[in-house]
Amino acid sequence: MGRVKRILVVDDNPDSRYSLRLLLDGKYEIVEASNGKEAVEMAQEERPDCILLDVEMPGMNGFQVCERLKSDSETRSIPVILVTAHHRDTESVVRGLQAGGDEYVTKPVAQKELQARVNAMLRVRELQDQLEVLNAELERQVRRRTGELRQIYATVPVGIYTLDATGRISSFNRHLQKMFSYEAAEVVGKKGIGDLFQADYDTLYWLDLCRREGRTSCEAVARAKDGTKIPVFDERVVMTDDVGEHVGFTGYLQDLRQIRRTRQLLKEQEKQAGVGRLASAIVHEIANPISGVAQYLDAMLRRLEGAERFEADELRHGAQVMRNALQRTTDLIQHLRGLTRSAVRPVSDVDPMALLADLQALMRYELHRHGIEVVIVGEPGRHTVRGDAGRLSQVFLNLITNARDAMPDGGTLTVEVRARDSTLEIAFADTGVGVPPENLDRIFEFLFTTKGDAGTGYGLTISGDIVGEHGGRIDVKSGLGTGSTFTVVLPMGDSAPPLLGGTS
């Protein structure tokens, strides 16, 4: 049973106070005040759940008392029912509402009406109390999430920035400070985004294109503080306010020098052929949810610094957006762990569906950029093979990447996992350009490539070797203009060979 609600009855006439007490029928704890000054003091001391306030009182009248109560942060949430002995004319009602009154009754008031209005105000007060508790909790969560996101924004190994509507830099994270050798104070509010690029970078074009399309990306050459040229991948999205008006941009810069060094290293270390592409996909996937939430972080920080009050729905929405972004990053890390777990235990029972799901998650952004839809067909956990999960992931990654390259205008990659007798087939079917018939017999040759300078010529060779070590093979079917299907065939159960001298 809850506590008895406290009602403050304010009237200069003791008979009127007694009458109101009787009408409330002993259901509440009643406290009384005989004038306006006493009413304000008792409201602050007693913290009633509702106030019945007579309008016509000498000295400070009811309207003035109500204004005082509603201007005080400690008493403004207490519902006030204005009580008058005069007819409830429009002017009086308007004045009472302007003073902050929540309800208006006329003497003599019927008992049922008074009790109904008091009960309604008490329910309002309960909802207000619940809302205040919720607001306090949400504000606490927002402060905590804001702190977490500020830490992520500062330490994430991706260059993140925000721009105002004119393209002037409004934030510049630590990764960018290190990349460009600028302190944040040297660029925030002082430089436009174009100041960070070579002279041929058309700032107005890219900002206008982003405004029209909502998102843009390009490769460009940036300039560090000392003049060093930095090849970068630049992507930005439009930030909008609550009514959809454009207020600026959020973007990230990726230093391509590291990627190019990684690609060169991969050519020298054949067994790591897919690492560079996977690393790039991971960076994109981690940066994407963070850059998408940067606008919420920036807006909330400004409003928190201005001590602006948040509505519950607004706080809940903002907190949910930020929580989803953090959860997305956490999920990506879990997918990455699923692919690298074999480093500790290389030979084990491997579920190809799990490897494919992890790769699809990690390469989602990369494939989406190229307009490629991936459809995985099969039942997770139903079929396994004995093998090295890490090396099989390398094979699958290479086949997915080859399918991406075969569909320059986008398309569909369907990966089907199916059991056939004592073997498991993982078929990668794309809707790409296909392989010319004269090249089908050569695609597994070392250093043979149909991609020109963009290919290394050993991806399929290594993939074939890895599958061979697992006692399997890769079959190929292709036709010009109709796409290709690469099918990895692996033995299951007792037919699986001892692998690489490994143990489980």
Protein backbone atom coordinates (compact mmCIF):
# COMPACT_ATOMS: atom_id res chain seq x y z
CA MET A 1 0.00 0.00 0.00
CA GLY A 2 1.42 3.40 -0.99
CA ARG A 3 1.78 6.36 1.29
CA VAL A 4 -1.19 8.69 1.92
CA LYS A 5 -1.12 11.63 -0.45
CA ARG A 6 -0.63 15.08 1.09
CA ILE A 7 -2.91 17.95 0.04
CA LEU A 8 -2.16 21.59 0.89
CA VAL A 9 -5.40 23.60 1.27
CA VAL A 10 -4.85 27.38 1.01
CA ASP A 11 -7.67 29.77 1.90
CA ASP A 12 -7.88 32.85 4.15
CA ASN A 13 -11.32 31.70 5.33
CA PRO A 14 -11.08 28.92 7.95
CA ASP A 15 -14.66 27.80 7.18
CA SER A 16 -13.72 27.31 3.53
CA ARG A 17 -10.66 25.30 4.53
CA TYR A 18 -12.84 23.15 6.80
CA SER A 19 -15.37 22.65 4.01
CA LEU A 20 -12.69 21.51 1.56
CA ARG A 21 -11.28 19.15 4.18
CA LEU A 22 -14.72 17.55 4.60
CA LEU A 23 -15.18 17.24 0.84
CA LEU A 24 -11.90 15.35 0.57
CA ASP A 25 -13.47 12.80 2.91
CA GLY A 26 -10.43 11.89 4.99
CA LYS A 27 -8.70 10.15 2.10
CA TYR A 28 -5.64 12.37 2.22
CA GLU A 29 -3.27 13.97 4.69
CA ILE A 30 -4.39 17.60 4.83
CA VAL A 31 -2.14 20.55 5.67
CA GLU A 32 -3.45 24.13 5.68
CA ALA A 33 -2.23 27.65 4.96
CA SER A 34 -4.23 30.83 5.58
CA ASN A 35 -2.42 33.25 3.27
CA GLY A 36 -0.16 33.38 0.23
CA LYS A 37 3.15 33.79 2.05
CA GLU A 38 2.38 30.88 4.33
CA ALA A 39 1.30 28.80 1.32
CA VAL A 40 4.65 29.29 -0.45
CA GLU A 41 6.59 28.41 2.71
CA MET A 42 4.52 25.29 3.41
CA ALA A 43 4.77 24.13 -0.20
CA GLN A 44 8.56 24.27 0.11
CA GLU A 45 8.60 22.56 3.50
CA GLU A 46 5.80 20.00 3.21
CA ARG A 47 6.17 19.14 -0.48
CA PRO A 48 2.47 18.32 -0.94
CA ASP A 49 1.29 16.12 -3.79
CA CYS A 50 -1.40 18.65 -4.77
CA ILE A 51 -2.43 22.21 -3.78
CA LEU A 52 -5.98 23.58 -3.53
CA LEU A 53 -5.40 27.34 -3.85
CA ASP A 54 -8.04 30.01 -3.24
CA VAL A 55 -7.83 32.79 -5.83
CA GLU A 56 -9.32 35.65 -3.76
CA MET A 57 -7.03 36.24 -0.78
CA PRO A 58 -5.81 39.51 0.75
CA GLY A 59 -2.18 40.42 0.15
CA MET A 60 -0.78 37.82 -2.21
CA ASN A 61 -3.72 36.44 -4.21
CA GLY A 62 -3.93 32.93 -5.65
CA PHE A 63 -2.59 33.93 -9.07
CA GLN A 64 0.49 35.48 -7.51
CA VAL A 65 1.03 32.46 -5.25
CA CYS A 66 0.75 30.15 -8.25
CA GLU A 67 3.30 32.21 -10.19
CA ARG A 68 5.72 32.02 -7.26
CA LEU A 69 5.30 28.25 -6.95
CA LYS A 70 5.74 27.62 -10.67
CA SER A 71 8.85 29.79 -10.86
CA ASP A 72 10.58 27.76 -8.14
CA SER A 73 12.31 24.60 -9.41
CA GLU A 74 11.53 22.87 -6.11
CA THR A 75 7.76 23.39 -6.30
CA ARG A 76 6.96 23.89 -9.98
CA SER A 77 5.97 20.27 -10.51
CA ILE A 78 3.30 20.31 -7.75
CA PRO A 79 -0.17 20.36 -9.40
CA VAL A 80 -2.21 23.44 -8.46
CA ILE A 81 -6.01 23.54 -8.52
CA LEU A 82 -7.25 27.14 -8.41
CA VAL A 83 -10.45 27.60 -6.38
CA THR A 84 -12.70 30.67 -6.75
CA ALA A 85 -16.06 31.73 -5.40
CA HIS A 86 -16.82 33.66 -8.61
CA HIS A 87 -18.20 32.35 -11.86
CA ARG A 88 -15.48 30.78 -13.97
CA ASP A 89 -15.27 33.39 -16.74
CA THR A 90 -12.87 33.07 -19.63
CA GLU A 91 -10.63 35.91 -18.48
CA SER A 92 -10.11 34.36 -15.03
CA VAL A 93 -9.42 30.93 -16.50
CA VAL A 94 -6.87 32.36 -18.92
CA ARG A 95 -5.17 34.32 -16.14
CA GLY A 96 -5.06 31.23 -13.96
CA LEU A 97 -3.52 29.11 -16.71
CA GLN A 98 -1.01 31.85 -17.48
CA ALA A 99 -0.03 31.85 -13.80
CA GLY A 100 0.70 28.13 -14.11
CA GLY A 101 -2.49 26.66 -12.68
CA ASP A 102 -3.20 23.08 -13.68
CA GLU A 103 -6.96 23.00 -12.96
CA TYR A 104 -9.76 25.42 -12.09
CA VAL A 105 -12.90 24.82 -9.92
CA THR A 106 -15.67 27.13 -8.71
CA LYS A 107 -17.16 27.24 -5.21
CA PRO A 108 -19.34 25.62 -4.12
CA VAL A 109 -17.78 22.56 -5.70
CA ALA A 110 -19.46 19.18 -5.58
CA GLN A 111 -17.65 16.52 -3.60
CA LYS A 112 -17.39 14.06 -6.49
CA GLU A 113 -16.11 16.74 -8.85
CA LEU A 114 -13.48 17.90 -6.37
CA GLN A 115 -12.31 14.38 -5.63
CA ALA A 116 -12.21 13.55 -9.34
CA ARG A 117 -10.11 16.64 -10.12
CA VAL A 118 -7.78 16.01 -7.19
CA ASN A 119 -7.33 12.36 -8.22
CA ALA A 120 -6.58 13.47 -11.78
CA MET A 121 -3.92 15.89 -10.55
CA LEU A 122 -2.41 13.23 -8.31
CA ARG A 123 -2.12 10.89 -11.27
CA VAL A 124 -0.42 13.70 -13.18
CA ARG A 125 1.99 14.18 -10.29
CA GLU A 126 2.78 10.46 -10.19
CA LEU A 127 3.53 10.51 -13.89
CA GLN A 128 5.70 13.59 -13.43
CA ASP A 129 7.61 11.88 -10.64
CA GLN A 130 8.12 8.82 -12.80
CA LEU A 131 9.25 11.01 -15.68
CA GLU A 132 11.73 12.84 -13.46
CA VAL A 133 13.20 9.52 -12.31
CA LEU A 134 13.38 8.37 -15.92
CA ASN A 135 14.93 11.66 -17.00
CA ALA A 136 17.55 11.41 -14.27
CA GLU A 137 18.39 7.84 -15.28
CA LEU A 138 18.49 8.71 -18.96
CA GLU A 139 20.69 11.72 -18.27
CA ARG A 140 23.02 9.47 -16.30
CA GLN A 141 23.10 6.97 -19.14
CA VAL A 142 23.64 9.73 -21.69
CA ARG A 143 26.54 11.14 -19.66
CA ARG A 144 28.06 7.67 -19.41
CA ARG A 145 27.48 6.86 -23.08
CA THR A 146 28.72 10.29 -24.05
CA GLY A 147 31.89 9.67 -22.10
CA GLU A 148 32.32 6.30 -23.78
CA LEU A 149 31.72 7.75 -27.23
CA ARG A 150 34.06 10.66 -26.57
CA GLN A 151 36.71 8.13 -25.65
CA ILE A 152 35.99 6.10 -28.78
CA TYR A 153 35.98 9.25 -30.90
CA ALA A 154 39.33 10.25 -29.46
CA THR A 155 41.08 6.87 -29.64
CA VAL A 156 39.54 4.96 -32.57
CA PRO A 157 42.26 4.28 -35.18
CA VAL A 158 40.29 6.11 -37.86
CA GLY A 159 40.45 9.81 -38.69
CA ILE A 160 37.05 11.30 -37.84
CA TYR A 161 36.05 14.93 -38.30
CA THR A 162 32.93 17.08 -38.40
CA LEU A 163 32.26 20.19 -40.47
CA ASP A 164 29.76 23.02 -40.14
CA ALA A 165 27.41 23.78 -43.02
CA THR A 166 30.07 25.89 -44.78
CA GLY A 167 32.72 23.17 -44.63
CA ARG A 168 34.69 24.66 -41.73
CA ILE A 169 36.16 22.07 -39.37
CA SER A 170 34.27 21.78 -36.06
CA SER A 171 35.98 18.68 -34.62
CA PHE A 172 39.21 16.81 -35.37
CA ASN A 173 40.00 13.59 -33.52
CA ARG A 174 43.38 12.45 -32.21
CA HIS A 175 44.05 10.08 -35.09
CA LEU A 176 43.79 13.00 -37.53
CA GLN A 177 45.94 15.18 -35.30
CA LYS A 178 48.64 12.54 -35.46
CA MET A 179 48.19 11.98 -39.20
CA PHE A 180 48.43 15.68 -40.10
CA SER A 181 50.71 16.83 -37.24
CA TYR A 182 48.16 19.50 -36.31
CA GLU A 183 46.78 20.15 -32.85
CA ALA A 184 42.99 20.34 -32.78
CA ALA A 185 43.17 24.01 -31.75
CA GLU A 186 45.04 24.80 -34.96
CA VAL A 187 42.23 23.59 -37.22
CA VAL A 188 38.91 23.59 -35.31
CA GLY A 189 37.01 26.72 -36.31
CA LYS A 190 40.03 28.05 -38.21
CA LYS A 191 40.36 25.86 -41.29
CA GLY A 192 37.99 24.52 -43.90
CA ILE A 193 38.22 20.91 -45.03
CA GLY A 194 39.77 22.03 -48.31
CA ASP A 195 42.79 23.41 -46.44
CA LEU A 196 43.83 19.83 -45.68
CA PHE A 197 44.01 18.76 -49.33
CA GLN A 198 46.05 19.48 -52.42
CA ALA A 199 45.20 22.60 -54.40
CA ASP A 200 43.33 20.59 -57.06
CA TYR A 201 40.79 19.28 -54.51
CA ASP A 202 37.42 20.82 -55.46
CA THR A 203 35.94 21.49 -52.03
CA LEU A 204 32.78 23.20 -53.24
CA TYR A 205 32.00 20.34 -55.63
CA TRP A 206 32.34 17.61 -53.02
CA LEU A 207 30.38 19.49 -50.35
CA ASP A 208 27.58 20.31 -52.78
CA LEU A 209 27.48 16.70 -54.00
CA CYS A 210 27.25 15.46 -50.42
CA ARG A 211 24.39 17.88 -49.70
CA ARG A 212 22.48 16.54 -52.70
CA GLU A 213 23.18 12.82 -52.26
CA GLY A 214 23.59 12.59 -48.48
CA ARG A 215 26.91 10.70 -48.69
CA THR A 216 30.05 10.94 -50.82
CA SER A 217 33.42 9.24 -50.93
CA CYS A 218 36.58 9.64 -52.96
CA GLU A 219 40.30 9.07 -52.94
CA ALA A 220 42.36 12.24 -52.71
CA VAL A 221 45.76 13.56 -51.68
CA ALA A 222 45.90 15.39 -48.34
CA ARG A 223 48.69 17.59 -46.98
CA ALA A 224 50.20 17.32 -43.51
CA LYS A 225 51.33 20.42 -41.64
CA ASP A 226 54.89 19.99 -42.93
CA GLY A 227 53.69 19.58 -46.53
CA THR A 228 53.88 15.78 -46.63
CA LYS A 229 51.47 14.33 -49.18
CA ILE A 230 49.08 11.73 -47.77
CA PRO A 231 46.91 9.60 -50.08
CA VAL A 232 43.58 9.17 -48.32
CA PHE A 233 40.12 7.72 -48.72
CA ASP A 234 37.66 10.44 -47.70
CA GLU A 235 34.02 9.68 -46.91
CA ARG A 236 31.45 12.00 -45.42
CA VAL A 237 27.73 12.09 -44.65
CA VAL A 238 25.33 14.99 -44.16
CA MET A 239 24.27 15.90 -40.62
CA THR A 240 20.72 17.18 -40.13
CA ASP A 241 18.86 18.70 -37.19
CA ASP A 242 15.56 17.53 -35.69
CA VAL A 243 13.54 19.03 -38.55
CA GLY A 244 15.77 17.65 -41.29
CA GLU A 245 17.69 20.85 -42.01
CA HIS A 246 21.30 20.42 -43.12
CA VAL A 247 23.66 21.57 -40.35
CA GLY A 248 27.01 20.13 -41.38
CA PHE A 249 28.94 17.00 -42.25
CA THR A 250 30.53 14.03 -40.50
CA GLY A 251 33.38 12.29 -42.24
CA TYR A 252 36.40 10.11 -41.88
CA LEU A 253 39.77 9.99 -43.56
CA GLN A 254 41.66 6.77 -43.99
CA ASP A 255 45.39 6.97 -44.64
CA LEU A 256 45.96 4.87 -47.77
CA ARG A 257 49.71 4.73 -47.27
CA GLN A 258 49.33 1.92 -44.78
CA ILE A 259 47.00 0.04 -47.11
CA ARG A 260 49.47 0.36 -49.96
CA ARG A 261 52.34 -0.84 -47.77
CA THR A 262 50.15 -3.75 -46.67
CA ARG A 263 49.34 -4.67 -50.26
CA GLN A 264 53.04 -4.74 -51.15
CA LEU A 265 53.76 -6.88 -48.12
CA LEU A 266 51.02 -9.31 -49.14
CA LYS A 267 52.67 -9.83 -52.52
CA GLU A 268 55.81 -10.92 -50.67
CA GLN A 269 53.95 -13.10 -48.19
CA GLU A 270 51.68 -15.27 -50.28
CA LYS A 271 49.96 -17.07 -47.43
CA GLN A 272 48.58 -13.72 -46.19
CA ALA A 273 46.97 -12.81 -49.53
CA GLY A 274 43.59 -11.90 -48.06
CA VAL A 275 44.67 -10.06 -44.93
CA GLY A 276 44.88 -6.61 -46.51
CA ARG A 277 41.38 -6.71 -47.95
CA LEU A 278 39.94 -8.11 -44.74
CA ALA A 279 41.72 -5.45 -42.68
CA SER A 280 40.32 -2.74 -44.96
CA ALA A 281 36.81 -4.16 -44.63
CA ILE A 282 37.13 -4.25 -40.83
CA VAL A 283 38.26 -0.62 -40.70
CA HIS A 284 35.32 0.45 -42.87
CA GLU A 285 32.83 -1.53 -40.81
CA ILE A 286 34.08 -0.15 -37.49
CA ALA A 287 34.23 3.41 -38.81
CA ASN A 288 30.76 3.29 -40.36
CA PRO A 289 28.63 3.07 -37.15
CA ILE A 290 30.93 5.50 -35.36
CA SER A 291 30.76 8.14 -38.10
CA GLY A 292 27.00 7.68 -38.25
CA VAL A 293 26.61 8.49 -34.53
CA ALA A 294 29.11 11.36 -34.46
CA GLN A 295 26.34 13.86 -35.23
CA TYR A 296 24.36 12.68 -32.18
CA LEU A 297 27.45 12.94 -30.00
CA ASP A 298 28.26 16.45 -31.19
CA ALA A 299 24.67 17.67 -30.74
CA MET A 300 24.28 16.16 -27.27
CA LEU A 301 27.59 17.58 -26.09
CA ARG A 302 26.56 21.08 -27.12
CA ARG A 303 23.20 20.80 -25.44
CA LEU A 304 24.61 19.27 -22.25
CA GLU A 305 27.17 22.06 -22.02
CA GLY A 306 24.32 24.55 -22.31
CA ALA A 307 22.43 22.79 -19.49
CA GLU A 308 19.49 22.34 -21.85
CA ARG A 309 16.73 20.07 -20.61
CA PHE A 310 15.98 16.94 -22.64
CA GLU A 311 12.59 15.41 -23.27
CA ALA A 312 12.34 11.73 -22.31
CA ASP A 313 11.60 10.53 -25.84
CA GLU A 314 14.47 12.57 -27.22
CA LEU A 315 16.89 11.18 -24.64
CA ARG A 316 15.64 7.65 -25.17
CA HIS A 317 16.06 7.97 -28.94
CA GLY A 318 19.54 9.48 -28.70
CA ALA A 319 20.69 6.92 -26.14
CA GLN A 320 19.32 4.08 -28.27
CA VAL A 321 21.11 5.36 -31.38
CA MET A 322 24.42 5.54 -29.52
CA ARG A 323 23.85 2.17 -27.87
CA ASN A 324 23.14 0.58 -31.24
CA ALA A 325 26.34 2.04 -32.66
CA LEU A 326 28.40 0.62 -29.80
CA GLN A 327 26.64 -2.74 -30.11
CA ARG A 328 27.36 -2.80 -33.86
CA THR A 329 31.07 -2.31 -33.17
CA THR A 330 31.01 -5.02 -30.48
CA ASP A 331 29.29 -7.44 -32.89
CA LEU A 332 31.93 -6.80 -35.53
CA ILE A 333 34.68 -7.60 -33.04
CA GLN A 334 32.93 -10.85 -32.19
CA HIS A 335 32.78 -11.75 -35.89
CA LEU A 336 36.48 -11.04 -36.18
CA ARG A 337 37.20 -13.28 -33.19
CA GLY A 338 35.23 -16.02 -34.89
CA LEU A 339 37.60 -15.87 -37.84
CA THR A 340 40.82 -15.70 -35.83
CA ARG A 341 40.02 -18.23 -33.12
CA SER A 342 41.87 -20.92 -35.09
CA ALA A 343 45.19 -19.23 -34.29
CA VAL A 344 45.04 -20.97 -30.94
CA ARG A 345 43.54 -24.26 -32.15
CA PRO A 346 44.23 -24.59 -35.88
CA VAL A 347 42.68 -28.00 -36.58
CA SER A 348 39.13 -28.51 -35.42
CA ASP A 349 35.55 -29.15 -36.52
CA VAL A 350 34.68 -26.16 -38.70
CA ASP A 351 31.19 -24.94 -39.57
CA PRO A 352 31.52 -23.23 -43.00
CA MET A 353 28.23 -21.39 -42.41
CA ALA A 354 29.74 -19.69 -39.35
CA LEU A 355 32.85 -18.64 -41.30
CA LEU A 356 30.69 -17.28 -44.12
CA ALA A 357 28.50 -15.33 -41.70
CA ASP A 358 31.58 -13.74 -40.11
CA LEU A 359 33.04 -12.81 -43.50
CA GLN A 360 29.72 -11.41 -44.68
CA ALA A 361 29.51 -9.20 -41.59
CA LEU A 362 33.09 -7.98 -41.92
CA MET A 363 32.83 -7.28 -45.66
CA ARG A 364 29.29 -5.89 -45.61
CA TYR A 365 30.36 -2.32 -46.28
CA GLU A 366 32.88 -3.26 -48.98
CA LEU A 367 30.31 -5.35 -50.86
CA HIS A 368 27.59 -2.74 -50.40
CA ARG A 369 29.88 -0.10 -51.90
CA HIS A 370 30.11 -2.20 -55.04
CA GLY A 371 26.35 -2.81 -55.22
CA ILE A 372 26.69 -6.51 -54.44
CA GLU A 373 24.06 -8.50 -52.55
CA VAL A 374 25.23 -11.66 -50.79
CA VAL A 375 22.80 -14.54 -50.23
CA ILE A 376 23.96 -17.43 -48.04
CA VAL A 377 21.97 -20.66 -48.33
CA GLY A 378 22.39 -23.43 -45.77
CA GLU A 379 21.69 -24.45 -42.19
CA PRO A 380 24.17 -23.16 -39.56
CA GLY A 381 25.63 -25.90 -37.40
CA ARG A 382 24.30 -28.80 -39.48
CA HIS A 383 27.45 -29.76 -41.37
CA THR A 384 31.10 -29.49 -40.36
CA VAL A 385 34.45 -30.39 -41.85
CA ARG A 386 37.74 -31.16 -40.18
CA GLY A 387 40.14 -28.34 -40.90
CA ASP A 388 41.89 -25.07 -40.19
CA ALA A 389 39.24 -22.37 -39.83
CA GLY A 390 41.68 -19.56 -40.47
CA ARG A 391 42.98 -20.99 -43.76
CA LEU A 392 39.50 -21.94 -44.96
CA SER A 393 38.43 -18.35 -44.20
CA GLN A 394 41.28 -17.23 -46.43
CA VAL A 395 39.90 -19.38 -49.27
CA PHE A 396 36.35 -18.09 -48.80
CA LEU A 397 37.56 -14.50 -48.57
CA ASN A 398 39.51 -14.86 -51.80
CA LEU A 399 36.51 -16.33 -53.64
CA ILE A 400 34.22 -13.57 -52.33
CA THR A 401 36.74 -10.92 -53.39
CA ASN A 402 37.10 -12.46 -56.85
CA ALA A 403 33.31 -12.47 -57.21
CA ARG A 404 33.22 -8.81 -56.21
CA ASP A 405 35.82 -7.99 -58.89
CA ALA A 406 33.84 -9.95 -61.48
CA MET A 407 30.77 -7.74 -60.85
CA PRO A 408 32.02 -4.16 -61.41
CA ASP A 409 28.46 -2.93 -61.94
CA GLY A 410 27.04 -4.81 -58.98
CA GLY A 411 25.14 -8.05 -58.83
CA THR A 412 24.37 -11.03 -56.60
CA LEU A 413 26.70 -13.54 -55.00
CA THR A 414 24.90 -16.68 -53.84
CA VAL A 415 26.85 -18.96 -51.52
CA GLU A 416 25.24 -22.36 -50.96
CA VAL A 417 26.44 -24.94 -48.47
CA ARG A 418 25.16 -28.43 -49.28
CA ALA A 419 26.08 -32.00 -48.36
CA ARG A 420 26.56 -34.60 -51.08
CA ASP A 421 27.39 -38.17 -49.98
CA SER A 422 30.59 -37.91 -47.89
CA THR A 423 31.54 -34.43 -49.08
CA LEU A 424 30.45 -30.88 -48.31
CA GLU A 425 30.13 -28.42 -51.18
CA ILE A 426 30.41 -24.66 -50.73
CA ALA A 427 29.39 -23.06 -54.04
CA PHE A 428 30.12 -19.38 -54.75
CA ALA A 429 27.91 -18.35 -57.72
CA ASP A 430 28.18 -14.78 -59.01
CA THR A 431 26.30 -12.91 -61.74
CA GLY A 432 29.47 -11.34 -63.09
CA VAL A 433 31.30 -11.11 -66.40
CA GLY A 434 32.46 -14.72 -66.41
CA VAL A 435 35.81 -16.25 -67.35
CA PRO A 436 36.78 -16.63 -71.03
CA PRO A 437 36.89 -20.34 -72.01
CA GLU A 438 40.57 -20.10 -72.94
CA ASN A 439 41.45 -19.01 -69.41
CA LEU A 440 39.49 -21.61 -67.43
CA ASP A 441 42.37 -24.10 -67.49
CA ARG A 442 44.87 -21.46 -66.35
CA ILE A 443 43.15 -19.60 -63.51
CA PHE A 444 44.86 -21.77 -60.84
CA GLU A 445 48.32 -21.24 -62.35
CA PHE A 446 50.76 -19.34 -60.16
CA LEU A 447 51.03 -15.64 -61.18
CA PHE A 448 48.33 -15.97 -63.83
CA THR A 449 45.77 -13.16 -63.51
CA THR A 450 43.04 -11.63 -65.64
CA LYS A 451 42.98 -8.42 -63.55
CA GLY A 452 46.09 -6.75 -64.93
CA ASP A 453 47.98 -4.65 -62.37
CA ALA A 454 45.09 -5.02 -59.92
CA GLY A 455 45.71 -8.78 -59.55
CA THR A 456 48.54 -10.69 -57.90
CA GLY A 457 48.14 -13.98 -59.73
CA TYR A 458 48.45 -16.22 -56.70
CA GLY A 459 45.09 -15.91 -54.89
CA LEU A 460 43.46 -18.92 -56.54
CA THR A 461 46.74 -20.84 -56.51
CA ILE A 462 46.97 -20.52 -52.74
CA SER A 463 43.25 -21.27 -52.35
CA GLY A 464 43.65 -24.45 -54.38
CA ASP A 465 46.65 -25.50 -52.28
CA ILE A 466 44.76 -24.91 -49.01
CA VAL A 467 41.72 -26.88 -50.17
CA GLY A 468 44.06 -29.65 -51.41
CA GLU A 469 45.68 -29.86 -47.97
CA HIS A 470 42.17 -30.44 -46.62
CA GLY A 471 41.70 -33.35 -49.03
CA GLY A 472 39.38 -31.41 -51.29
CA ARG A 473 39.27 -29.54 -54.58
CA ILE A 474 37.80 -26.44 -56.25
CA ASP A 475 35.55 -26.92 -59.27
CA VAL A 476 34.78 -24.09 -61.69
CA LYS A 477 31.94 -23.42 -64.11
CA SER A 478 31.76 -20.18 -66.04
CA GLY A 479 30.39 -18.51 -69.12
CA LEU A 480 31.04 -15.09 -70.60
CA GLY A 481 28.29 -12.73 -69.46
CA THR A 482 26.54 -15.37 -67.38
CA GLY A 483 28.74 -15.45 -64.28
CA SER A 484 30.92 -18.03 -62.59
CA THR A 485 30.49 -20.69 -59.93
CA PHE A 486 33.48 -21.78 -57.85
CA THR A 487 32.64 -24.84 -55.75
CA VAL A 488 34.83 -25.85 -52.84
CA VAL A 489 34.45 -29.60 -52.26
CA LEU A 490 35.64 -30.86 -48.86
CA PRO A 491 35.50 -34.33 -47.29
CA MET A 492 33.38 -34.85 -44.20
CA GLY A 493 33.59 -37.25 -41.29
CA ASP A 494 35.97 -40.23 -41.48
CA SER A 495 37.00 -39.36 -45.02
CA ALA A 496 38.72 -36.15 -43.82
CA PRO A 497 42.56 -36.58 -43.89
CA PRO A 498 45.03 -35.70 -41.12
CA LEU A 499 45.73 -32.01 -41.73
CA LEU A 500 49.13 -30.32 -41.73
CA GLY A 501 50.31 -32.44 -38.86
CA GLY A 502 47.98 -30.48 -36.56
CA THR A 503 46.10 -31.80 -33.56
CA SER A 504 42.93 -30.78 -31.90
